[in-house]
Amino acid sequence: MEVAVIVRKMSEQTPADNPHGVDVRRAYDSKYALSSVITMKPGEKLIRHITPVDVFFYVLEGSGTVEVGEERKPVSADTVIESPSGIPHCWYNESKENLRVLVVKVPRPTAKTQLL
């Protein structure tokens, strides 16, 4: 069986519409998982929300604050953060540089994210 390698340059992907008003670009989208790269400019934040599936985040660049449940923690590049399904979470870029985060949702959500 011949398989074609799929390669995507994230800077060339079209930003997806989202309620947070930040740059979100799809990295991977299959029936099993969904991943995106979020870029938050200084001062930007996400709306606190609940996802119907487990999510993990990998900070690619910059530093910011992640909130999962009632905990808020400063994080920086090369850090992984886990957020279980059904728990409110949020991101804040309170720095002076861009914050880029890889977001992976598993399994792929079939229900919508709930904004708080």
C-alpha atoms as a PDB file:
ATOM      1  CA  MET A   1       0.000   0.000   0.000  1.00  0.00           C
ATOM      2  CA  GLU A   2       1.399   3.340  -1.036  1.00  0.00           C
ATOM      3  CA  VAL A   3       0.938   6.197   1.410  1.00  0.00           C
ATOM      4  CA  ALA A   4       1.380   9.870   0.598  1.00  0.00           C
ATOM      5  CA  VAL A   5       3.082  12.008   3.206  1.00  0.00           C
ATOM      6  CA  ILE A   6       0.964  14.991   4.198  1.00  0.00           C
ATOM      7  CA  VAL A   7       2.944  18.110   5.063  1.00  0.00           C
ATOM      8  CA  ARG A   8       1.468  21.387   6.280  1.00  0.00           C
ATOM      9  CA  LYS A   9       3.277  24.628   6.995  1.00  0.00           C
ATOM     10  CA  MET A  10       1.261  26.179   9.804  1.00  0.00           C
ATOM     11  CA  SER A  11       2.005  29.760   8.733  1.00  0.00           C
ATOM     12  CA  GLU A  12       0.324  28.995   5.389  1.00  0.00           C
ATOM     13  CA  GLN A  13      -2.886  27.590   6.915  1.00  0.00           C
ATOM     14  CA  THR A  14      -5.966  29.821   6.958  1.00  0.00           C
ATOM     15  CA  PRO A  15      -6.966  30.866  10.481  1.00  0.00           C
ATOM     16  CA  ALA A  16     -10.190  29.192  11.644  1.00  0.00           C
ATOM     17  CA  ASP A  17     -13.191  31.173  12.854  1.00  0.00           C
ATOM     18  CA  ASN A  18     -13.452  30.954  16.627  1.00  0.00           C
ATOM     19  CA  PRO A  19     -15.289  32.756  19.442  1.00  0.00           C
ATOM     20  CA  HIS A  20     -12.017  33.744  21.146  1.00  0.00           C
ATOM     21  CA  GLY A  21     -10.908  36.119  18.383  1.00  0.00           C
ATOM     22  CA  VAL A  22      -7.363  34.712  18.334  1.00  0.00           C
ATOM     23  CA  ASP A  23      -5.331  33.061  15.570  1.00  0.00           C
ATOM     24  CA  VAL A  24      -6.247  29.339  15.459  1.00  0.00           C
ATOM     25  CA  ARG A  25      -4.931  27.131  12.662  1.00  0.00           C
ATOM     26  CA  ARG A  26      -5.822  23.459  12.217  1.00  0.00           C
ATOM     27  CA  ALA A  27      -2.807  21.153  12.315  1.00  0.00           C
ATOM     28  CA  TYR A  28      -4.609  17.797  12.201  1.00  0.00           C
ATOM     29  CA  ASP A  29      -8.245  16.808  11.791  1.00  0.00           C
ATOM     30  CA  SER A  30      -9.337  13.168  11.632  1.00  0.00           C
ATOM     31  CA  LYS A  31     -12.141  11.038  13.027  1.00  0.00           C
ATOM     32  CA  TYR A  32      -9.813  10.160  15.934  1.00  0.00           C
ATOM     33  CA  ALA A  33      -8.286  13.466  17.044  1.00  0.00           C
ATOM     34  CA  LEU A  34      -8.204  17.199  16.394  1.00  0.00           C
ATOM     35  CA  SER A  35      -5.240  19.510  16.852  1.00  0.00           C
ATOM     36  CA  SER A  36      -4.652  23.196  16.308  1.00  0.00           C
ATOM     37  CA  VAL A  37      -1.988  25.796  16.879  1.00  0.00           C
ATOM     38  CA  ILE A  38      -3.188  28.851  18.759  1.00  0.00           C
ATOM     39  CA  THR A  39      -1.207  32.087  18.598  1.00  0.00           C
ATOM     40  CA  MET A  40      -2.105  34.735  21.174  1.00  0.00           C
ATOM     41  CA  LYS A  41      -0.641  38.193  20.851  1.00  0.00           C
ATOM     42  CA  PRO A  42       0.339  40.116  23.992  1.00  0.00           C
ATOM     43  CA  GLY A  43      -2.767  40.910  26.029  1.00  0.00           C
ATOM     44  CA  GLU A  44      -4.980  38.327  24.292  1.00  0.00           C
ATOM     45  CA  LYS A  45      -6.809  35.594  26.155  1.00  0.00           C
ATOM     46  CA  LEU A  46      -9.299  32.833  25.524  1.00  0.00           C
ATOM     47  CA  ILE A  47     -12.838  32.795  26.847  1.00  0.00           C
ATOM     48  CA  ARG A  48     -13.080  30.386  29.782  1.00  0.00           C
ATOM     49  CA  HIS A  49     -14.661  27.215  28.370  1.00  0.00           C
ATOM     50  CA  ILE A  50     -15.304  23.503  28.844  1.00  0.00           C
ATOM     51  CA  THR A  51     -14.432  20.909  26.217  1.00  0.00           C
ATOM     52  CA  PRO A  52     -16.329  17.609  26.006  1.00  0.00           C
ATOM     53  CA  VAL A  53     -13.074  15.624  25.572  1.00  0.00           C
ATOM     54  CA  ASP A  54      -9.612  15.488  27.124  1.00  0.00           C
ATOM     55  CA  VAL A  55      -7.188  18.142  25.884  1.00  0.00           C
ATOM     56  CA  PHE A  56      -3.463  18.496  26.191  1.00  0.00           C
ATOM     57  CA  PHE A  57      -1.486  21.604  25.391  1.00  0.00           C
ATOM     58  CA  TYR A  58       2.156  21.906  24.395  1.00  0.00           C
ATOM     59  CA  VAL A  59       3.668  25.386  24.621  1.00  0.00           C
ATOM     60  CA  LEU A  60       5.661  25.924  21.438  1.00  0.00           C
ATOM     61  CA  GLU A  61       6.805  29.487  21.990  1.00  0.00           C
ATOM     62  CA  GLY A  62       6.545  32.243  24.577  1.00  0.00           C
ATOM     63  CA  SER A  63       5.062  32.226  28.035  1.00  0.00           C
ATOM     64  CA  GLY A  64       1.607  32.706  29.463  1.00  0.00           C
ATOM     65  CA  THR A  65      -0.821  31.606  32.129  1.00  0.00           C
ATOM     66  CA  VAL A  66      -3.007  28.538  31.894  1.00  0.00           C
ATOM     67  CA  GLU A  67      -6.067  28.008  34.053  1.00  0.00           C
ATOM     68  CA  VAL A  68      -7.503  24.513  34.545  1.00  0.00           C
ATOM     69  CA  GLY A  69     -10.333  24.227  37.050  1.00  0.00           C
ATOM     70  CA  GLU A  70      -9.473  26.611  39.879  1.00  0.00           C
ATOM     71  CA  GLU A  71      -5.687  26.447  39.345  1.00  0.00           C
ATOM     72  CA  ARG A  72      -3.719  29.119  37.483  1.00  0.00           C
ATOM     73  CA  LYS A  73      -0.106  28.430  36.578  1.00  0.00           C
ATOM     74  CA  PRO A  74       2.546  30.308  34.633  1.00  0.00           C
ATOM     75  CA  VAL A  75       3.942  28.198  31.775  1.00  0.00           C
ATOM     76  CA  SER A  76       6.574  28.610  29.096  1.00  0.00           C
ATOM     77  CA  ALA A  77       7.948  26.907  25.993  1.00  0.00           C
ATOM     78  CA  ASP A  78       8.529  23.141  26.101  1.00  0.00           C
ATOM     79  CA  THR A  79       5.782  22.555  28.693  1.00  0.00           C
ATOM     80  CA  VAL A  80       2.870  20.096  28.456  1.00  0.00           C
ATOM     81  CA  ILE A  81      -0.408  20.789  30.290  1.00  0.00           C
ATOM     82  CA  GLU A  82      -3.275  18.310  30.644  1.00  0.00           C
ATOM     83  CA  SER A  83      -6.923  19.370  30.905  1.00  0.00           C
ATOM     84  CA  PRO A  84      -9.507  16.605  31.483  1.00  0.00           C
ATOM     85  CA  SER A  85     -12.892  16.728  29.766  1.00  0.00           C
ATOM     86  CA  GLY A  86     -15.628  18.633  31.540  1.00  0.00           C
ATOM     87  CA  ILE A  87     -13.232  20.914  33.469  1.00  0.00           C
ATOM     88  CA  PRO A  88     -13.226  24.670  32.707  1.00  0.00           C
ATOM     89  CA  HIS A  89      -9.967  25.990  31.296  1.00  0.00           C
ATOM     90  CA  CYS A  90      -8.523  29.179  29.849  1.00  0.00           C
ATOM     91  CA  TRP A  91      -5.316  30.744  28.529  1.00  0.00           C
ATOM     92  CA  TYR A  92      -3.914  34.261  29.061  1.00  0.00           C
ATOM     93  CA  ASN A  93      -0.991  35.955  27.339  1.00  0.00           C
ATOM     94  CA  GLU A  94       0.121  38.572  29.831  1.00  0.00           C
ATOM     95  CA  SER A  95       3.619  38.783  28.349  1.00  0.00           C
ATOM     96  CA  LYS A  96       5.100  41.140  25.767  1.00  0.00           C
ATOM     97  CA  GLU A  97       5.640  38.409  23.150  1.00  0.00           C
ATOM     98  CA  ASN A  98       3.451  36.001  21.201  1.00  0.00           C
ATOM     99  CA  LEU A  99       2.342  32.791  22.891  1.00  0.00           C
ATOM    100  CA  ARG A 100       2.010  29.749  20.581  1.00  0.00           C
ATOM    101  CA  VAL A 101       0.353  26.594  21.866  1.00  0.00           C
ATOM    102  CA  LEU A 102      -0.331  23.249  20.210  1.00  0.00           C
ATOM    103  CA  VAL A 103      -3.781  22.009  21.301  1.00  0.00           C
ATOM    104  CA  VAL A 104      -4.666  18.315  20.929  1.00  0.00           C
ATOM    105  CA  LYS A 105      -8.204  17.043  21.608  1.00  0.00           C
ATOM    106  CA  VAL A 106      -8.703  13.302  21.967  1.00  0.00           C
ATOM    107  CA  PRO A 107     -10.903  11.712  20.952  1.00  0.00           C
ATOM    108  CA  ARG A 108     -12.155  14.120  18.296  1.00  0.00           C
ATOM    109  CA  PRO A 109     -15.056  16.083  19.829  1.00  0.00           C
ATOM    110  CA  THR A 110     -18.543  15.295  18.605  1.00  0.00           C
ATOM    111  CA  ALA A 111     -20.204  17.864  20.900  1.00  0.00           C
ATOM    112  CA  LYS A 112     -19.537  21.616  20.988  1.00  0.00           C
ATOM    113  CA  THR A 113     -17.289  23.437  23.424  1.00  0.00           C
ATOM    114  CA  GLN A 114     -19.257  25.255  26.130  1.00  0.00           C
ATOM    115  CA  LEU A 115     -18.295  28.922  26.641  1.00  0.00           C
ATOM    116  CA  LEU A 116     -18.578  30.253  30.187  1.00  0.00           C
END
